[in-house]
Amino acid sequence: MARFRHLTGIAVLAPAALLPMPALACTLCHSPQAASVRERLLAADLWWNACAVALPLMLLLSVVALVVREPGKRSQP
């Protein structure tokens, strides 16, 4: 587990990327088109879409973590 300690910062800061604050901070995009895009990006199904994207990535990362482990550390039947 110590090998993945450097990923702790990513795990802590990743939820901040899902907050709507960065989209509201844009000072150059106050056009009607930009407002429409922000409304669609931050719609009610934002969390559903984020989970639909994150779940396969978590499964892929878990498979990669299992493959990367040395054969000596795998459980012996």
N, C-alpha and C. Protein backbone atom coordinates (compact mmCIF):
# COMPACT_ATOMS: atom_id res chain seq x y z
N MET A 1 0.82 -1.18 0.00
CA MET A 1 0.00 0.00 0.00
C MET A 1 0.87 1.25 0.00
N ALA A 2 2.08 1.13 0.49
CA ALA A 2 2.98 2.28 0.52
C ALA A 2 3.34 2.74 -0.88
N ARG A 3 3.25 1.83 -1.84
CA ARG A 3 3.59 2.19 -3.22
C ARG A 3 2.59 3.17 -3.81
N PHE A 4 1.38 3.18 -3.30
CA PHE A 4 0.33 4.04 -3.85
C PHE A 4 0.09 5.27 -2.96
N ARG A 5 0.98 5.54 -2.03
CA ARG A 5 0.81 6.65 -1.11
C ARG A 5 0.81 7.99 -1.85
N HIS A 6 1.53 8.08 -2.96
CA HIS A 6 1.58 9.34 -3.71
C HIS A 6 0.24 9.68 -4.35
N LEU A 7 -0.66 8.71 -4.44
CA LEU A 7 -1.98 8.96 -5.02
C LEU A 7 -2.97 9.53 -4.00
N THR A 8 -2.57 9.63 -2.76
CA THR A 8 -3.46 10.13 -1.72
C THR A 8 -3.91 11.55 -2.00
N GLY A 9 -2.99 12.39 -2.47
CA GLY A 9 -3.35 13.77 -2.79
C GLY A 9 -4.39 13.85 -3.88
N ILE A 10 -4.26 12.98 -4.88
CA ILE A 10 -5.24 12.96 -5.96
C ILE A 10 -6.59 12.53 -5.43
N ALA A 11 -6.60 11.53 -4.57
CA ALA A 11 -7.87 11.04 -4.02
C ALA A 11 -8.54 12.10 -3.16
N VAL A 12 -7.75 12.93 -2.51
CA VAL A 12 -8.32 13.98 -1.66
C VAL A 12 -8.82 15.15 -2.50
N LEU A 13 -8.08 15.52 -3.55
CA LEU A 13 -8.42 16.71 -4.33
C LEU A 13 -9.36 16.43 -5.50
N ALA A 14 -9.52 15.18 -5.91
CA ALA A 14 -10.36 14.86 -7.06
C ALA A 14 -11.82 15.30 -6.88
N PRO A 15 -12.43 15.11 -5.70
CA PRO A 15 -13.82 15.58 -5.56
C PRO A 15 -13.97 17.08 -5.78
N ALA A 16 -12.94 17.86 -5.55
CA ALA A 16 -13.03 19.30 -5.77
C ALA A 16 -13.22 19.63 -7.25
N ALA A 17 -12.77 18.75 -8.13
CA ALA A 17 -12.94 18.98 -9.56
C ALA A 17 -14.41 18.83 -9.98
N LEU A 18 -15.20 18.17 -9.16
CA LEU A 18 -16.61 17.97 -9.49
C LEU A 18 -17.50 19.11 -8.99
N LEU A 19 -16.93 20.04 -8.25
CA LEU A 19 -17.72 21.17 -7.76
C LEU A 19 -17.99 22.16 -8.89
N PRO A 20 -19.11 22.85 -8.86
CA PRO A 20 -19.44 23.78 -9.95
C PRO A 20 -18.67 25.10 -9.90
N MET A 21 -17.84 25.31 -8.91
CA MET A 21 -17.15 26.59 -8.77
C MET A 21 -16.25 26.95 -9.95
N PRO A 22 -15.45 26.02 -10.52
CA PRO A 22 -14.61 26.43 -11.65
C PRO A 22 -15.41 26.94 -12.84
N ALA A 23 -16.58 26.37 -13.09
CA ALA A 23 -17.39 26.81 -14.22
C ALA A 23 -17.96 28.21 -13.97
N LEU A 24 -18.21 28.53 -12.73
CA LEU A 24 -18.74 29.85 -12.41
C LEU A 24 -17.66 30.91 -12.34
N ALA A 25 -16.40 30.51 -12.26
CA ALA A 25 -15.31 31.46 -12.10
C ALA A 25 -14.85 32.06 -13.42
N CYS A 26 -15.33 31.60 -14.54
CA CYS A 26 -14.89 32.09 -15.84
C CYS A 26 -15.37 33.53 -16.04
N THR A 27 -14.44 34.44 -16.23
CA THR A 27 -14.80 35.85 -16.42
C THR A 27 -14.95 36.21 -17.89
N LEU A 28 -14.53 35.33 -18.77
CA LEU A 28 -14.59 35.62 -20.20
C LEU A 28 -15.84 35.04 -20.86
N CYS A 29 -16.55 34.20 -20.16
CA CYS A 29 -17.64 33.45 -20.79
C CYS A 29 -19.00 33.86 -20.23
N HIS A 30 -19.37 35.09 -20.41
CA HIS A 30 -20.67 35.55 -19.92
C HIS A 30 -21.68 35.70 -21.05
N SER A 31 -21.48 34.95 -22.12
CA SER A 31 -22.41 34.99 -23.24
C SER A 31 -23.58 34.04 -22.98
N PRO A 32 -24.66 34.17 -23.73
CA PRO A 32 -25.78 33.24 -23.58
C PRO A 32 -25.38 31.80 -23.88
N GLN A 33 -24.48 31.60 -24.83
CA GLN A 33 -24.02 30.25 -25.15
C GLN A 33 -23.26 29.65 -23.97
N ALA A 34 -22.41 30.45 -23.33
CA ALA A 34 -21.66 29.95 -22.18
C ALA A 34 -22.60 29.61 -21.03
N ALA A 35 -23.61 30.43 -20.83
CA ALA A 35 -24.59 30.14 -19.77
C ALA A 35 -25.34 28.85 -20.08
N SER A 36 -25.67 28.64 -21.34
CA SER A 36 -26.36 27.41 -21.73
C SER A 36 -25.48 26.18 -21.50
N VAL A 37 -24.21 26.29 -21.84
CA VAL A 37 -23.28 25.17 -21.63
C VAL A 37 -23.14 24.88 -20.15
N ARG A 38 -23.01 25.92 -19.32
CA ARG A 38 -22.89 25.71 -17.87
C ARG A 38 -24.15 25.05 -17.32
N GLU A 39 -25.32 25.47 -17.79
CA GLU A 39 -26.56 24.86 -17.32
C GLU A 39 -26.60 23.38 -17.66
N ARG A 40 -26.16 23.02 -18.85
CA ARG A 40 -26.18 21.61 -19.26
C ARG A 40 -25.12 20.80 -18.52
N LEU A 41 -23.94 21.38 -18.30
CA LEU A 41 -22.88 20.65 -17.60
C LEU A 41 -23.23 20.42 -16.14
N LEU A 42 -23.87 21.40 -15.52
CA LEU A 42 -24.16 21.33 -14.10
C LEU A 42 -25.62 20.97 -13.84
N ALA A 43 -26.23 20.25 -14.76
CA ALA A 43 -27.64 19.87 -14.63
C ALA A 43 -27.81 18.86 -13.49
N ALA A 44 -29.03 18.47 -13.27
CA ALA A 44 -29.35 17.56 -12.17
C ALA A 44 -28.69 16.20 -12.32
N ASP A 45 -28.36 15.79 -13.53
CA ASP A 45 -27.76 14.48 -13.72
C ASP A 45 -26.23 14.52 -13.70
N LEU A 46 -25.65 15.58 -13.17
CA LEU A 46 -24.19 15.71 -13.09
C LEU A 46 -23.58 14.55 -12.31
N TRP A 47 -24.13 14.25 -11.14
CA TRP A 47 -23.55 13.19 -10.31
C TRP A 47 -23.73 11.83 -10.95
N TRP A 48 -24.84 11.59 -11.61
CA TRP A 48 -25.06 10.32 -12.30
C TRP A 48 -24.02 10.16 -13.41
N ASN A 49 -23.80 11.20 -14.19
CA ASN A 49 -22.82 11.13 -15.27
C ASN A 49 -21.40 10.98 -14.72
N ALA A 50 -21.09 11.68 -13.65
CA ALA A 50 -19.76 11.57 -13.05
C ALA A 50 -19.52 10.16 -12.52
N CYS A 51 -20.52 9.57 -11.91
CA CYS A 51 -20.38 8.19 -11.42
C CYS A 51 -20.28 7.20 -12.58
N ALA A 52 -21.01 7.45 -13.64
CA ALA A 52 -20.94 6.56 -14.81
C ALA A 52 -19.57 6.61 -15.46
N VAL A 53 -18.88 7.73 -15.36
CA VAL A 53 -17.52 7.83 -15.89
C VAL A 53 -16.52 7.26 -14.89
N ALA A 54 -16.72 7.51 -13.60
CA ALA A 54 -15.74 7.11 -12.59
C ALA A 54 -15.74 5.62 -12.32
N LEU A 55 -16.89 4.97 -12.39
CA LEU A 55 -16.95 3.54 -12.06
C LEU A 55 -16.07 2.69 -12.97
N PRO A 56 -16.16 2.81 -14.29
CA PRO A 56 -15.25 2.01 -15.13
C PRO A 56 -13.78 2.36 -14.90
N LEU A 57 -13.49 3.63 -14.60
CA LEU A 57 -12.10 4.00 -14.33
C LEU A 57 -11.60 3.34 -13.04
N MET A 58 -12.45 3.28 -12.02
CA MET A 58 -12.06 2.61 -10.78
C MET A 58 -11.84 1.12 -11.01
N LEU A 59 -12.71 0.51 -11.81
CA LEU A 59 -12.52 -0.91 -12.12
C LEU A 59 -11.23 -1.13 -12.89
N LEU A 60 -10.94 -0.27 -13.84
CA LEU A 60 -9.71 -0.39 -14.61
C LEU A 60 -8.49 -0.21 -13.71
N LEU A 61 -8.52 0.78 -12.83
CA LEU A 61 -7.40 0.99 -11.92
C LEU A 61 -7.21 -0.17 -10.96
N SER A 62 -8.29 -0.80 -10.52
CA SER A 62 -8.14 -1.95 -9.63
C SER A 62 -7.54 -3.14 -10.37
N VAL A 63 -7.92 -3.34 -11.63
CA VAL A 63 -7.31 -4.41 -12.42
C VAL A 63 -5.84 -4.13 -12.64
N VAL A 64 -5.49 -2.90 -12.96
CA VAL A 64 -4.09 -2.53 -13.15
C VAL A 64 -3.31 -2.75 -11.86
N ALA A 65 -3.89 -2.38 -10.72
CA ALA A 65 -3.20 -2.58 -9.44
C ALA A 65 -2.97 -4.06 -9.16
N LEU A 66 -3.92 -4.90 -9.53
CA LEU A 66 -3.74 -6.34 -9.33
C LEU A 66 -2.66 -6.90 -10.24
N VAL A 67 -2.59 -6.42 -11.45
CA VAL A 67 -1.60 -6.91 -12.40
C VAL A 67 -0.20 -6.45 -12.01
N VAL A 68 -0.10 -5.25 -11.47
CA VAL A 68 1.20 -4.69 -11.14
C VAL A 68 1.82 -5.39 -9.93
N ARG A 69 1.00 -5.94 -9.06
CA ARG A 69 1.53 -6.60 -7.86
C ARG A 69 2.48 -7.72 -8.24
N GLU A 70 3.52 -7.88 -7.46
CA GLU A 70 4.48 -8.95 -7.71
C GLU A 70 3.82 -10.30 -7.44
N PRO A 71 4.21 -11.33 -8.21
CA PRO A 71 3.60 -12.65 -8.01
C PRO A 71 3.83 -13.20 -6.60
N GLY A 72 4.92 -12.84 -5.95
CA GLY A 72 5.19 -13.33 -4.60
C GLY A 72 4.23 -12.78 -3.56
N LYS A 73 3.63 -11.64 -3.83
CA LYS A 73 2.72 -11.02 -2.86
C LYS A 73 1.27 -11.44 -3.08
N ARG A 74 0.98 -12.12 -4.14
CA ARG A 74 -0.39 -12.58 -4.38
C ARG A 74 -0.71 -13.72 -3.42
N SER A 75 -1.95 -13.88 -3.09
CA SER A 75 -2.33 -14.95 -2.17
C SER A 75 -2.17 -16.30 -2.86
N GLN A 76 -1.62 -17.22 -2.13
CA GLN A 76 -1.39 -18.57 -2.64
C GLN A 76 -2.58 -19.45 -2.25
N PRO A 77 -3.19 -20.20 -3.20
CA PRO A 77 -4.34 -21.06 -2.83
C PRO A 77 -3.90 -22.29 -2.06
